[in-house]
């Protein structure tokens, strides 16, 4: 199939809707018959000559007539400004063609032109610690400033923080869904859609209207790694989606980076074990950027603290990325609590510090 013509899409959707015809078998059928329409019109005897096609599946292919599904997919794709990319299209991501079992049909809601841009997957737990949140913001911001696309899974936690940080820094980000691109999950991320559409896209291999079923997410993780040059894991439990993504990356011959964490923190077990098994230990964004053939842009640091007063510098001296309670901070500074609170308010307005629950503060 050389062109993404509507008649070809109709036939391809009808063929892909046959139970048992996944991407692997569909690719084999297309290698043999060249056109999806030719597959549908082939005899059972011709079909069973293809690897993976038995008599039962050949008969299912012959009996399929799911024209309604095909027309509905094309209709909803147009309704939601979604480009349907097939494995044989020129715009289909090159990186995906090199993985095992690449999807034959890819839905891209918004911009598909930048899918072959250099990219990094950033993934992690849905419940990051303060440390995990700050690391995600720090690294995603620098990656975005260096004009490298950030790919993630649109999930709560690290994924969402990565997407939002890239948007704030006017970078490129792609969200790979475990549902159809017209079904937004989690629902609170609907507020990000317009911004993502300006700088990237939603991507899925699942048909339009597909709900976010749990069994979809491992397949989604395979796409996250497949679309990326490397995978960066920030806080992950031992059996988490982020670790599955990293394992897919290793199978695909991709580099895996991980942030070391507290060995007593369950959220760090996955990352620490990845490092133990050979993943690259990451301390600074430069540890990742060295793997990319890009000329690093000299971007002014967002936090230089040049306009901080003498009192503010005293407080900043004792703050770090680790949460510090206000009482301990006052003791370290040797200043009254009322004065320290006033200084912290000023620093918050300058976006130099952030207040957390329980009167804890961190430097950002």
Protein backbone atom coordinates (compact mmCIF):
# COMPACT_ATOMS: atom_id res chain seq x y z
CA UNK A 1 0.00 0.00 0.00
CA UNK A 2 1.83 3.08 -1.24
CA UNK A 3 -0.69 5.77 -0.45
CA UNK A 4 -2.94 6.31 2.52
CA UNK A 5 -6.08 6.38 0.34
CA UNK A 6 -9.47 6.04 1.99
CA UNK A 7 -10.31 2.82 0.18
CA UNK A 8 -7.08 1.30 1.48
CA UNK A 9 -7.85 2.47 5.00
CA UNK A 10 -11.31 0.91 4.83
CA UNK A 11 -9.86 -2.42 3.79
CA UNK A 12 -7.05 -2.16 6.32
CA UNK A 13 -9.44 -1.43 9.17
CA UNK A 14 -11.69 -4.31 8.15
CA UNK A 15 -8.68 -6.62 8.09
CA UNK A 16 -7.27 -5.38 11.39
CA UNK A 17 -10.64 -5.92 13.09
CA UNK A 18 -10.51 -9.69 12.47
CA UNK A 19 -9.92 -11.46 15.82
CA UNK A 20 -6.44 -12.98 15.78
CA UNK A 21 -5.03 -10.69 13.09
CA UNK A 22 -2.55 -8.63 15.07
CA UNK A 23 0.28 -6.49 13.74
CA UNK A 24 2.63 -9.44 13.16
CA UNK A 25 0.17 -11.41 11.04
CA UNK A 26 -1.06 -8.28 9.29
CA UNK A 27 2.49 -7.39 8.24
CA UNK A 28 3.01 -10.93 6.92
CA UNK A 29 -0.23 -10.74 4.95
CA UNK A 30 0.75 -7.39 3.46
CA UNK A 31 4.18 -8.70 2.47
CA UNK A 32 2.47 -11.45 0.53
CA UNK A 33 -0.51 -9.60 -0.99
CA UNK A 34 0.73 -5.96 -1.02
CA UNK A 35 -2.77 -4.46 -0.60
CA UNK A 36 -5.30 -5.02 2.22
CA UNK A 37 -8.05 -5.39 -0.37
CA UNK A 38 -6.09 -8.19 -2.02
CA UNK A 39 -5.88 -9.97 1.33
CA UNK A 40 -9.65 -9.78 1.78
CA UNK A 41 -10.27 -11.15 -1.69
CA UNK A 42 -7.70 -13.95 -1.46
CA UNK A 43 -8.85 -17.58 -1.18
CA UNK A 44 -8.44 -19.53 2.06
CA UNK A 45 -5.86 -21.71 0.31
CA UNK A 46 -3.79 -18.63 -0.55
CA UNK A 47 -4.16 -17.20 2.95
CA UNK A 48 -2.88 -20.28 4.78
CA UNK A 49 0.34 -20.06 2.78
CA UNK A 50 1.20 -17.02 4.91
CA UNK A 51 3.15 -17.60 8.13
CA UNK A 52 0.84 -17.52 11.16
CA UNK A 53 -2.41 -18.03 9.22
CA UNK A 54 -4.23 -21.33 9.80
CA UNK A 55 -7.49 -22.59 8.31
CA UNK A 56 -9.63 -21.14 11.09
CA UNK A 57 -8.10 -17.65 10.80
CA UNK A 58 -8.23 -17.79 7.01
CA UNK A 59 -11.96 -18.45 7.21
CA UNK A 60 -12.43 -15.56 9.65
CA UNK A 61 -10.66 -13.26 7.21
CA UNK A 62 -12.87 -14.43 4.38
CA UNK A 63 -16.02 -13.91 6.43
CA UNK A 64 -15.15 -10.46 7.77
CA UNK A 65 -17.32 -7.59 6.69
CA UNK A 66 -16.77 -5.02 9.42
CA UNK A 67 -17.35 -2.02 7.18
CA UNK A 68 -19.12 -0.13 9.97
CA UNK A 69 -16.02 -0.26 12.19
CA UNK A 70 -13.84 1.00 9.35
CA UNK A 71 -16.09 3.92 8.47
CA UNK A 72 -16.51 4.86 12.15
CA UNK A 73 -12.73 4.96 12.68
CA UNK A 74 -12.20 7.24 9.71
CA UNK A 75 -15.13 9.45 10.74
CA UNK A 76 -13.95 9.88 14.34
CA UNK A 77 -10.36 10.49 13.24
CA UNK A 78 -11.53 13.42 11.14
CA UNK A 79 -13.78 14.65 13.94
CA UNK A 80 -10.85 14.73 16.41
CA UNK A 81 -8.23 16.12 14.01
CA UNK A 82 -6.35 12.83 14.08
CA UNK A 83 -3.98 11.60 11.41
CA UNK A 84 -4.05 7.88 10.74
CA UNK A 85 -0.56 6.68 9.97
CA UNK A 86 0.02 3.21 8.59
CA UNK A 87 3.24 1.22 8.68
CA UNK A 88 3.66 1.91 4.97
CA UNK A 89 3.29 5.71 5.15
CA UNK A 90 6.24 8.01 4.66
CA UNK A 91 5.53 9.83 7.94
CA UNK A 92 5.46 6.64 10.00
CA UNK A 93 8.14 6.92 12.73
CA UNK A 94 11.35 5.23 11.60
CA UNK A 95 12.20 4.16 15.15
CA UNK A 96 8.99 2.13 15.42
CA UNK A 97 9.74 0.17 12.28
CA UNK A 98 12.81 -1.23 13.99
CA UNK A 99 11.03 -2.80 16.99
CA UNK A 100 9.45 -6.21 17.27
CA UNK A 101 5.74 -6.18 16.42
CA UNK A 102 5.39 -2.53 15.32
CA UNK A 103 1.78 -1.30 15.11
CA UNK A 104 0.41 -1.29 11.59
CA UNK A 105 -1.94 1.56 12.41
CA UNK A 106 -0.98 4.59 14.48
CA UNK A 107 -3.32 7.39 15.52
CA UNK A 108 -1.70 10.81 15.93
CA UNK A 109 -3.96 13.56 17.25
CA UNK A 110 -2.45 16.88 16.17
CA UNK A 111 1.13 17.22 14.87
CA UNK A 112 2.74 14.16 13.26
CA UNK A 113 5.59 15.97 11.52
CA UNK A 114 7.97 15.92 14.51
CA UNK A 115 7.65 12.22 15.32
CA UNK A 116 11.07 11.50 13.80
CA UNK A 117 12.66 14.23 15.91
CA UNK A 118 15.31 13.17 18.47
CA UNK A 119 13.47 12.16 21.61
CA UNK A 120 13.79 10.91 25.17
CA UNK A 121 11.17 8.98 27.12
CA UNK A 122 10.72 10.16 30.70
CA UNK A 123 8.71 7.78 32.87
CA UNK A 124 8.19 7.02 36.54
CA UNK A 125 5.82 6.36 39.39
CA UNK A 126 2.31 7.76 39.60
CA UNK A 127 3.05 8.82 43.18
CA UNK A 128 6.47 10.52 43.16
CA UNK A 129 8.13 11.88 46.26
CA UNK A 130 9.13 15.53 46.48
CA UNK A 131 12.57 14.41 45.31
CA UNK A 132 11.06 12.66 42.29
CA UNK A 133 8.94 15.69 41.36
CA UNK A 134 11.89 18.08 41.55
CA UNK A 135 14.18 15.76 39.57
CA UNK A 136 11.50 15.36 36.87
CA UNK A 137 11.08 19.14 36.57
CA UNK A 138 14.83 19.76 36.51
CA UNK A 139 15.65 17.18 33.84
CA UNK A 140 12.56 17.67 31.65
CA UNK A 141 13.20 21.41 31.55
CA UNK A 142 16.80 20.99 30.41
CA UNK A 143 15.94 18.32 27.84
CA UNK A 144 13.23 20.59 26.42
CA UNK A 145 15.63 23.56 26.24
CA UNK A 146 18.04 21.43 24.20
CA UNK A 147 15.34 20.83 21.55
CA UNK A 148 14.92 17.12 22.32
CA UNK A 149 11.36 15.82 22.32
CA UNK A 150 10.05 14.31 25.53
CA UNK A 151 7.79 11.28 25.23
CA UNK A 152 5.78 9.95 28.14
CA UNK A 153 2.59 8.09 28.99
CA UNK A 154 0.27 10.90 30.14
CA UNK A 155 -0.25 9.09 33.47
CA UNK A 156 -0.51 10.78 36.83
CA UNK A 157 2.74 11.57 38.61
CA UNK A 158 6.07 11.67 36.80
CA UNK A 159 4.53 11.46 33.31
CA UNK A 160 2.23 14.44 33.83
CA UNK A 161 4.98 16.50 35.48
CA UNK A 162 7.28 15.79 32.53
CA UNK A 163 4.65 16.86 29.98
CA UNK A 164 3.78 20.03 31.90
CA UNK A 165 7.43 21.00 32.38
CA UNK A 166 8.17 20.63 28.67
CA UNK A 167 5.14 22.75 27.82
CA UNK A 168 6.29 25.45 30.26
CA UNK A 169 9.71 25.47 28.62
CA UNK A 170 8.21 25.59 25.12
CA UNK A 171 9.57 22.22 24.12
CA UNK A 172 8.10 19.31 22.16
CA UNK A 173 6.19 16.55 23.95
CA UNK A 174 4.24 13.50 22.83
CA UNK A 175 1.80 11.64 25.07
CA UNK A 176 1.31 7.94 24.31
CA UNK A 177 -2.07 6.69 25.51
CA UNK A 178 -3.43 3.36 26.64
CA UNK A 179 -6.77 4.33 25.12
CA UNK A 180 -8.03 5.87 21.91
CA UNK A 181 -6.75 9.42 21.32
CA UNK A 182 -10.34 10.62 21.74
CA UNK A 183 -10.61 9.11 25.23
CA UNK A 184 -8.62 11.21 27.69
CA UNK A 185 -7.30 9.45 30.78
CA UNK A 186 -6.70 10.57 33.46
CA UNK A 187 -9.54 13.08 33.01
CA UNK A 188 -7.78 15.88 34.91
CA UNK A 189 -5.22 16.07 32.10
CA UNK A 190 -7.86 17.38 29.71
CA UNK A 191 -6.66 20.84 30.76
CA UNK A 192 -3.30 20.11 29.07
CA UNK A 193 -4.70 19.15 25.68
CA UNK A 194 -4.64 22.52 23.92
CA UNK A 195 -1.03 23.08 25.02
CA UNK A 196 0.07 19.61 23.92
CA UNK A 197 -1.57 20.14 20.54
CA UNK A 198 0.51 23.30 20.10
CA UNK A 199 3.84 21.55 20.71
CA UNK A 200 3.26 17.86 20.04
CA UNK A 201 0.52 15.26 19.90
CA UNK A 202 -1.42 12.43 21.49
CA UNK A 203 -0.43 9.04 20.08
CA UNK A 204 -2.06 5.62 20.29
CA UNK A 205 -2.21 2.33 18.43
CA UNK A 206 -5.65 1.63 19.89
CA UNK A 207 -8.74 2.35 17.76
CA UNK A 208 -10.76 5.48 18.35
CA UNK A 209 -13.18 5.17 21.31
CA UNK A 210 -11.05 2.51 23.04
CA UNK A 211 -11.35 2.77 26.84
CA UNK A 212 -8.23 2.80 29.07
CA UNK A 213 -8.30 -0.88 29.97
CA UNK A 214 -5.47 -2.15 32.22
CA UNK A 215 -4.27 -4.67 29.61
CA UNK A 216 -3.62 -1.82 27.14
CA UNK A 217 -0.85 -0.18 29.15
CA UNK A 218 1.95 -2.72 28.65
CA UNK A 219 1.43 -2.34 24.89
CA UNK A 220 1.41 1.43 25.38
CA UNK A 221 4.75 1.18 27.22
CA UNK A 222 6.27 -0.67 24.26
CA UNK A 223 5.37 2.32 22.06
CA UNK A 224 6.86 4.83 24.51
CA UNK A 225 10.24 3.11 24.32
CA UNK A 226 9.91 2.36 20.62
CA UNK A 227 9.35 6.00 19.72
CA UNK A 228 12.31 7.16 21.81
CA UNK A 229 16.06 7.07 21.39
CA UNK A 230 16.48 6.31 25.10
CA UNK A 231 14.40 5.86 28.25
CA UNK A 232 14.93 7.79 31.49
CA UNK A 233 13.32 6.35 34.63
CA UNK A 234 12.68 8.60 37.64
CA UNK A 235 11.44 6.73 40.72
CA UNK A 236 9.73 3.44 40.06
CA UNK A 237 8.61 0.48 42.10
CA UNK A 238 9.97 -2.96 41.36
CA UNK A 239 6.94 -3.99 39.29
CA UNK A 240 5.73 -0.82 37.64
CA UNK A 241 4.85 0.42 34.19
CA UNK A 242 8.04 2.47 34.11
CA UNK A 243 10.12 -0.68 34.65
CA UNK A 244 8.18 -2.45 31.90
CA UNK A 245 9.00 0.46 29.60
CA UNK A 246 12.68 0.17 30.52
CA UNK A 247 12.64 -3.57 29.83
CA UNK A 248 11.09 -2.95 26.42
CA UNK A 249 13.81 -0.38 25.74
CA UNK A 250 16.54 -2.89 26.57
CA UNK A 251 14.90 -5.48 24.29
CA UNK A 252 14.81 -2.86 21.54
CA UNK A 253 18.50 -2.04 21.99
CA UNK A 254 17.82 1.39 23.50
CA UNK A 255 19.84 3.10 26.24
CA UNK A 256 18.23 3.19 29.69
CA UNK A 257 19.01 5.90 32.24
CA UNK A 258 17.93 5.88 35.88
CA UNK A 259 18.14 8.15 38.90
CA UNK A 260 19.48 6.50 42.08
CA UNK A 261 17.28 6.77 45.14
CA UNK A 262 17.03 5.99 48.81
CA UNK A 263 17.44 2.20 49.21
CA UNK A 264 14.72 2.16 51.88
CA UNK A 265 12.17 3.91 49.65
CA UNK A 266 9.92 1.43 47.75
CA UNK A 267 9.60 4.00 44.96
CA UNK A 268 13.35 3.75 44.31
CA UNK A 269 13.68 -0.04 44.23
CA UNK A 270 13.02 -0.24 40.49
CA UNK A 271 15.54 2.46 39.56
CA UNK A 272 18.22 1.11 41.87
CA UNK A 273 17.84 -2.38 40.43
CA UNK A 274 17.96 -1.03 36.89
CA UNK A 275 21.29 0.59 37.73
CA UNK A 276 22.46 -2.62 39.39
CA UNK A 277 21.59 -4.48 36.18
CA UNK A 278 23.50 -2.08 33.94
CA UNK A 279 21.33 1.00 33.35
CA UNK A 280 23.23 4.29 33.19
CA UNK A 281 23.29 6.08 36.54
CA UNK A 282 22.28 9.71 36.03
CA UNK A 283 23.33 12.62 38.21
CA UNK A 284 22.89 15.60 35.86
CA UNK A 285 21.09 16.28 32.56
CA UNK A 286 24.49 16.27 30.86
CA UNK A 287 24.74 12.54 31.59
CA UNK A 288 21.81 12.07 29.20
CA UNK A 289 22.61 14.82 26.70
CA UNK A 290 26.02 13.29 26.02
CA UNK A 291 24.20 10.46 24.22
CA UNK A 292 22.55 12.84 21.76
CA UNK A 293 24.23 14.33 18.73
CA UNK A 294 23.14 17.86 19.51
CA UNK A 295 25.15 21.00 20.04
CA UNK A 296 24.20 21.97 23.55
CA UNK A 297 22.56 25.36 23.70
CA UNK A 298 23.76 27.72 26.39
CA UNK A 299 20.50 28.51 28.11
CA UNK A 300 20.56 30.97 31.01
CA UNK A 301 19.75 29.27 34.28
CA UNK A 302 16.22 30.01 35.43
CA UNK A 303 17.33 30.31 39.07
CA UNK A 304 20.44 32.49 39.52
CA UNK A 305 19.27 34.11 42.78
CA UNK A 306 21.01 37.32 41.68
CA UNK A 307 18.20 39.52 42.98
CA UNK A 308 18.05 37.79 46.40
CA UNK A 309 18.57 40.04 49.41
CA UNK A 310 21.14 39.26 52.11
CA UNK A 311 18.45 37.79 54.38
CA UNK A 312 17.05 35.74 51.50
CA UNK A 313 20.49 34.34 50.76
CA UNK A 314 20.82 33.23 54.36
CA UNK A 315 17.59 31.24 54.06
CA UNK A 316 18.52 29.86 50.63
CA UNK A 317 21.83 28.65 52.03
CA UNK A 318 20.05 26.14 54.25
CA UNK A 319 17.41 25.00 51.76
CA UNK A 320 17.89 22.22 49.24
CA UNK A 321 15.78 19.78 47.22
CA UNK A 322 15.13 17.86 50.44
CA UNK A 323 12.09 19.16 52.39
CA UNK A 324 13.01 21.13 55.52
CA UNK A 325 10.56 22.02 58.30
CA UNK A 326 10.15 25.70 59.15
CA UNK A 327 11.25 25.17 62.78
CA UNK A 328 14.52 23.52 61.78
CA UNK A 329 15.10 26.19 59.15
CA UNK A 330 14.70 28.93 61.77
CA UNK A 331 17.20 27.18 64.05
CA UNK A 332 19.75 26.88 61.24
CA UNK A 333 19.31 30.51 60.16
CA UNK A 334 19.30 31.92 63.70
CA UNK A 335 16.37 34.15 62.73
CA UNK A 336 12.90 34.55 64.22
CA UNK A 337 10.07 32.49 62.74
CA UNK A 338 8.14 35.62 61.75
CA UNK A 339 11.12 36.96 59.81
CA UNK A 340 11.84 33.59 58.14
CA UNK A 341 8.20 33.25 57.09
CA UNK A 342 8.30 36.73 55.59
CA UNK A 343 11.49 35.87 53.70
CA UNK A 344 10.04 32.57 52.48
CA UNK A 345 6.97 34.37 51.14
CA UNK A 346 9.22 36.70 49.17
CA UNK A 347 11.24 33.75 47.84
CA UNK A 348 8.06 31.92 46.84
CA UNK A 349 6.91 34.95 44.85
CA UNK A 350 10.26 34.86 43.04
CA UNK A 351 9.78 31.10 42.39
CA UNK A 352 12.96 30.30 44.32
CA UNK A 353 11.32 28.08 46.96
CA UNK A 354 8.19 25.99 47.26
CA UNK A 355 6.11 25.27 50.33
CA UNK A 356 5.03 21.66 50.86
CA UNK A 357 2.54 20.09 53.24
CA UNK A 358 3.30 20.30 56.96
CA UNK A 359 5.23 23.61 56.71
CA UNK A 360 8.12 22.04 54.83
CA UNK A 361 10.07 24.01 52.24
CA UNK A 362 12.38 23.14 49.33
CA UNK A 363 14.60 25.18 47.04
CA UNK A 364 13.70 24.98 43.35
